[in-house]
Amino acid sequence: MPELPEVETIVQQLNKHIVGKRIQSAQVLEQKRVDKSIEKAVPSTVVRAWRRAKAIIMELEKKKYLLVRLGMTGHFHYAPKPESLGKDEKFAGVKFYLQDGSVLSYTDIRKFGSVRVLNEARLQKELAQFGPEPLGKEFTATKFKEMLAKKPKANIKVTLMDQNFIAGIGNIYAQEALYHAGIDPKRKIGTLKVPEIQKLHQAIQQVLRQSIAHNGTTVKNYVHIEGSGGFQKYLTVYEKTHCPQKHLITKVRMGGRGTYYCSRCQK
């Protein structure tokens, strides 16, 4: 599932290719996951695009918003002409035809994602459920310590993936951050010492920023508008057999997800 770096990469590319352009018409092809009312929300210019947690928001004119959740396999294709779109367009949920002749399509093979039209009040209600942004100014080490202090009996790895607690971190980056911080993912939050919390805070931000710089991680099917991610080359434990120190990796299941860690590097 795309996490913060993958979604941020797509948003940056939407700002590059789509924002400021006018959507002339839209064709909804999958009504179970895509609002049919999108067709009535256009024509409209795309005012801006941004990310909140793992969601993409595109603002249209008259304070209408497209809220996009990528789910497991959702992604966008952009092409100068409709005939230039990729081979998996049979999985397209909606196509946006722009005034300049280009087209943006949202495709989703497994159909866990969604595209909805919301007004400003409904959008704010949807976004309010998420925790603080880990790359935001308000997410300081002190703030992180205060947040963790409220959940002493909770598991640290599962908590990092809780979108109500921190926005945008999923299975990949929770594992990577914990490795760089030297923390065993099985530990309870209450056992963490202040220096460990500070190191984890730093690791979270470092890993996320590095992944964004490499357009996210492609380990299965994630693609962005301009291609595939590159951060998979720098993963330390996720789906690895050995850590960078050549120690054997252990795999367990936590919160229903496979979790990789090094029992020698992480305590």
Protein backbone atom coordinates (compact mmCIF):
# COMPACT_ATOMS: atom_id res chain seq x y z
CA MET A 1 0.00 0.00 0.00
CA PRO A 2 1.38 3.46 -0.88
CA GLU A 3 2.51 5.31 2.24
CA LEU A 4 3.46 8.93 2.87
CA PRO A 5 6.50 9.10 0.52
CA GLU A 6 4.66 7.43 -2.37
CA VAL A 7 1.61 9.66 -2.01
CA GLU A 8 3.78 12.77 -1.61
CA THR A 9 5.62 11.85 -4.81
CA ILE A 10 2.34 11.57 -6.72
CA VAL A 11 1.12 14.89 -5.32
CA GLN A 12 4.30 16.63 -6.43
CA GLN A 13 3.79 15.24 -9.92
CA LEU A 14 0.12 16.24 -10.00
CA ASN A 15 1.25 19.77 -9.17
CA LYS A 16 3.71 19.56 -12.05
CA HIS A 17 1.38 18.12 -14.69
CA ILE A 18 -2.21 18.91 -13.68
CA VAL A 19 -2.59 21.87 -11.32
CA GLY A 20 -3.62 25.01 -13.18
CA LYS A 21 -5.11 23.05 -16.06
CA ARG A 22 -8.81 22.80 -16.82
CA ILE A 23 -10.66 19.50 -16.70
CA GLN A 24 -13.10 19.65 -19.59
CA SER A 25 -14.95 16.42 -18.82
CA ALA A 26 -14.72 13.26 -16.71
CA GLN A 27 -15.78 9.68 -17.39
CA VAL A 28 -16.56 7.51 -14.36
CA LEU A 29 -16.01 3.83 -15.15
CA GLU A 30 -16.21 2.25 -11.67
CA GLN A 31 -19.15 3.59 -9.69
CA LYS A 32 -18.61 1.40 -6.61
CA ARG A 33 -15.38 3.20 -5.74
CA VAL A 34 -15.68 6.47 -7.68
CA ASP A 35 -18.40 9.09 -7.22
CA LYS A 36 -20.55 9.39 -10.32
CA SER A 37 -21.07 13.05 -9.36
CA ILE A 38 -17.51 13.76 -10.51
CA GLU A 39 -18.92 14.06 -14.03
CA LYS A 40 -21.09 16.97 -12.86
CA ALA A 41 -18.26 18.67 -10.94
CA VAL A 42 -16.49 19.54 -14.19
CA PRO A 43 -15.63 21.55 -16.28
CA SER A 44 -13.34 23.02 -13.67
CA THR A 45 -9.76 24.15 -13.24
CA VAL A 46 -7.59 22.21 -10.78
CA VAL A 47 -6.64 24.87 -8.25
CA ARG A 48 -4.14 22.88 -6.20
CA ALA A 49 -3.21 19.42 -4.95
CA TRP A 50 -1.86 18.34 -1.59
CA ARG A 51 -1.47 15.34 0.69
CA ARG A 52 -2.89 14.56 4.12
CA ALA A 53 -1.74 11.25 5.61
CA LYS A 54 -2.03 8.76 2.72
CA ALA A 55 -4.80 10.71 0.98
CA ILE A 56 -4.57 13.01 -2.05
CA ILE A 57 -6.74 16.11 -2.23
CA MET A 58 -7.31 18.03 -5.45
CA GLU A 59 -9.14 21.32 -5.11
CA LEU A 60 -11.47 22.32 -7.95
CA GLU A 61 -13.23 25.62 -8.47
CA LYS A 62 -16.17 26.66 -6.24
CA LYS A 63 -14.64 24.90 -3.21
CA LYS A 64 -15.18 21.38 -4.49
CA TYR A 65 -12.59 18.75 -3.63
CA LEU A 66 -11.58 15.36 -4.98
CA LEU A 67 -10.47 13.09 -2.12
CA VAL A 68 -8.39 10.22 -3.47
CA ARG A 69 -7.41 7.16 -1.45
CA LEU A 70 -5.05 4.88 -3.34
CA GLY A 71 -5.79 1.73 -1.34
CA MET A 72 -3.47 -1.15 -2.25
CA THR A 73 -2.93 -0.58 -5.97
CA GLY A 74 -4.44 2.77 -6.94
CA HIS A 75 -2.36 5.09 -9.10
CA PHE A 76 -2.60 7.81 -11.74
CA HIS A 77 -1.60 7.74 -15.39
CA TYR A 78 -1.07 10.97 -17.30
CA ALA A 79 -0.69 11.15 -21.06
CA PRO A 80 -0.57 13.99 -23.64
CA LYS A 81 -3.21 12.10 -25.64
CA PRO A 82 -5.78 9.42 -24.61
CA GLU A 83 -4.27 6.83 -26.94
CA SER A 84 -0.97 7.10 -25.08
CA LEU A 85 -2.36 5.66 -21.82
CA GLY A 86 -0.94 2.42 -20.41
CA LYS A 87 -2.08 -1.15 -20.92
CA ASP A 88 -3.92 -1.48 -17.59
CA GLU A 89 -6.56 1.11 -18.49
CA LYS A 90 -9.18 -1.65 -18.32
CA PHE A 91 -8.88 -1.13 -14.54
CA ALA A 92 -9.53 2.62 -14.80
CA GLY A 93 -12.04 4.00 -12.31
CA VAL A 94 -12.24 7.49 -13.77
CA LYS A 95 -10.67 9.44 -16.62
CA PHE A 96 -10.25 13.21 -16.63
CA TYR A 97 -10.04 14.84 -20.06
CA LEU A 98 -8.18 18.14 -19.92
CA GLN A 99 -8.72 21.17 -22.12
CA ASP A 100 -5.22 20.90 -23.62
CA GLY A 101 -6.00 17.42 -24.98
CA SER A 102 -4.16 15.48 -22.28
CA VAL A 103 -5.81 12.91 -19.99
CA LEU A 104 -5.40 11.83 -16.38
CA SER A 105 -6.74 8.45 -15.36
CA TYR A 106 -7.09 6.83 -11.96
CA THR A 107 -6.64 3.04 -12.13
CA ASP A 108 -6.96 0.47 -9.38
CA ILE A 109 -6.47 -3.23 -10.12
CA ARG A 110 -7.57 -4.51 -6.69
CA LYS A 111 -10.22 -1.81 -6.24
CA PHE A 112 -9.54 -0.91 -2.61
CA GLY A 113 -9.06 2.78 -3.39
CA SER A 114 -11.66 5.48 -3.97
CA VAL A 115 -12.26 8.91 -5.50
CA ARG A 116 -14.93 11.08 -3.90
CA VAL A 117 -16.28 14.59 -4.40
CA LEU A 118 -16.62 16.56 -1.17
CA ASN A 119 -17.47 20.08 -0.09
CA GLU A 120 -15.15 21.90 2.29
CA ALA A 121 -17.00 20.92 5.48
CA ARG A 122 -17.06 17.22 4.62
CA LEU A 123 -13.42 17.32 3.57
CA GLN A 124 -12.33 18.85 6.88
CA LYS A 125 -14.30 16.21 8.76
CA GLU A 126 -12.55 13.44 6.80
CA LEU A 127 -9.08 14.89 7.34
CA ALA A 128 -9.60 15.64 11.05
CA GLN A 129 -9.42 11.92 11.90
CA PHE A 130 -5.70 11.74 11.12
CA GLY A 131 -2.90 12.28 13.59
CA PRO A 132 -0.11 14.86 13.13
CA GLU A 133 2.03 14.84 10.01
CA PRO A 134 5.45 13.33 10.84
CA LEU A 135 7.20 15.88 8.62
CA GLY A 136 5.17 18.81 9.92
CA LYS A 137 6.63 21.56 12.10
CA GLU A 138 4.35 20.58 14.98
CA PHE A 139 5.79 17.05 15.12
CA THR A 140 8.75 17.78 17.37
CA ALA A 141 10.61 15.24 19.49
CA THR A 142 8.91 16.73 22.55
CA LYS A 143 5.48 16.37 20.95
CA PHE A 144 6.28 12.78 19.98
CA LYS A 145 7.32 11.98 23.55
CA GLU A 146 4.06 13.45 24.88
CA MET A 147 2.03 11.42 22.38
CA LEU A 148 3.77 8.17 23.29
CA ALA A 149 3.36 8.81 27.02
CA LYS A 150 -0.41 8.39 26.59
CA LYS A 151 0.00 4.80 25.31
CA PRO A 152 2.54 3.08 27.61
CA LYS A 153 1.09 -0.42 27.16
CA ALA A 154 0.75 -0.24 23.38
CA ASN A 155 3.16 -1.85 20.93
CA ILE A 156 5.49 0.66 19.29
CA LYS A 157 5.39 -0.72 15.75
CA VAL A 158 1.61 -1.11 15.65
CA THR A 159 1.20 2.39 17.09
CA LEU A 160 3.40 3.96 14.42
CA MET A 161 1.05 2.52 11.80
CA ASP A 162 -2.07 3.91 13.50
CA GLN A 163 -3.25 6.75 11.25
CA ASN A 164 -5.14 8.35 14.12
CA PHE A 165 -1.85 8.53 16.03
CA ILE A 166 0.59 9.59 13.28
CA ALA A 167 -0.43 10.24 9.68
CA GLY A 168 1.08 8.47 6.71
CA ILE A 169 3.39 5.82 8.19
CA GLY A 170 2.66 2.25 7.10
CA ASN A 171 4.29 -1.15 7.33
CA ILE A 172 7.43 -0.38 5.34
CA TYR A 173 8.50 2.85 7.01
CA ALA A 174 7.57 1.77 10.54
CA GLN A 175 10.00 -1.14 10.17
CA GLU A 176 12.72 0.94 8.55
CA ALA A 177 12.52 3.71 11.17
CA LEU A 178 12.64 1.21 14.04
CA TYR A 179 15.75 -0.41 12.56
CA HIS A 180 17.56 2.90 12.22
CA ALA A 181 16.57 3.76 15.79
CA GLY A 182 17.79 0.37 17.05
CA ILE A 183 14.41 -0.48 18.60
CA ASP A 184 12.85 -3.95 18.63
CA PRO A 185 9.38 -3.66 17.03
CA LYS A 186 7.91 -5.97 19.69
CA ARG A 187 8.56 -3.51 22.54
CA LYS A 188 5.88 -1.75 24.54
CA ILE A 189 5.98 2.04 24.38
CA GLY A 190 6.37 2.33 28.14
CA THR A 191 9.78 0.61 27.97
CA LEU A 192 11.27 3.25 25.68
CA LYS A 193 13.74 5.65 27.22
CA VAL A 194 13.89 9.33 26.24
CA PRO A 195 17.06 8.96 24.09
CA GLU A 196 15.40 6.09 22.21
CA ILE A 197 12.29 8.19 21.55
CA GLN A 198 14.46 11.05 20.27
CA LYS A 199 16.37 8.67 18.03
CA LEU A 200 13.13 7.17 16.68
CA HIS A 201 11.73 10.64 15.97
CA GLN A 202 14.86 11.46 13.98
CA ALA A 203 14.76 8.12 12.16
CA ILE A 204 11.11 8.55 11.14
CA GLN A 205 11.78 11.92 9.56
CA GLN A 206 15.04 10.83 7.97
CA VAL A 207 13.60 7.70 6.35
CA LEU A 208 10.52 9.50 5.04
CA ARG A 209 12.54 12.37 3.55
CA GLN A 210 15.03 10.01 1.93
CA SER A 211 12.24 7.96 0.38
CA ILE A 212 10.53 11.07 -1.01
CA ALA A 213 13.87 12.07 -2.56
CA HIS A 214 13.84 8.70 -4.39
CA ASN A 215 10.16 8.91 -5.42
CA GLY A 216 9.03 6.29 -2.91
CA THR A 217 9.46 2.53 -2.70
CA THR A 218 8.44 0.06 -5.40
CA VAL A 219 8.52 -3.50 -4.06
CA LYS A 220 5.42 -4.87 -5.79
CA ASN A 221 3.18 -2.68 -7.90
CA TYR A 222 3.54 0.95 -6.82
CA VAL A 223 4.15 3.35 -9.69
CA HIS A 224 3.96 7.11 -9.80
CA ILE A 225 3.02 9.29 -12.76
CA GLU A 226 6.55 9.33 -14.15
CA GLY A 227 7.63 5.75 -13.40
CA SER A 228 8.67 3.61 -10.43
CA GLY A 229 10.12 4.44 -7.04
CA GLY A 230 13.80 3.95 -6.18
CA PHE A 231 14.00 3.77 -2.39
CA GLN A 232 13.72 -0.03 -2.41
CA LYS A 233 17.47 -0.01 -3.14
CA TYR A 234 18.05 1.52 0.29
CA LEU A 235 15.75 -0.61 2.46
CA THR A 236 17.53 -2.12 5.45
CA VAL A 237 15.12 -4.76 6.82
CA TYR A 238 11.80 -4.78 4.94
CA GLU A 239 11.57 -8.10 3.04
CA LYS A 240 15.31 -8.63 3.55
CA THR A 241 17.15 -11.77 4.68
CA HIS A 242 20.07 -9.88 6.29
CA CYS A 243 20.45 -6.39 7.73
CA PRO A 244 23.24 -4.00 6.58
CA GLN A 245 25.47 -5.50 9.30
CA LYS A 246 25.01 -8.97 7.67
CA HIS A 247 22.95 -10.26 10.60
CA LEU A 248 20.10 -12.65 9.88
CA ILE A 249 16.68 -10.97 9.76
CA THR A 250 13.77 -12.30 11.83
CA LYS A 251 10.21 -12.15 10.52
CA VAL A 252 7.13 -12.09 12.77
CA ARG A 253 3.51 -11.04 12.34
CA MET A 254 2.33 -7.97 14.23
CA GLY A 255 -1.06 -6.37 13.83
CA GLY A 256 -1.74 -8.76 10.99
CA ARG A 257 1.30 -7.58 9.01
CA GLY A 258 4.64 -9.20 8.31
CA THR A 259 7.37 -7.49 10.32
CA TYR A 260 11.10 -7.75 9.63
CA TYR A 261 13.76 -6.82 12.18
CA CYS A 262 17.30 -7.63 13.33
CA SER A 263 17.39 -9.11 16.83
CA ARG A 264 21.04 -8.10 17.18
CA CYS A 265 20.80 -4.49 16.01
CA GLN A 266 17.40 -3.79 17.54
CA LYS A 267 16.93 -4.10 21.31
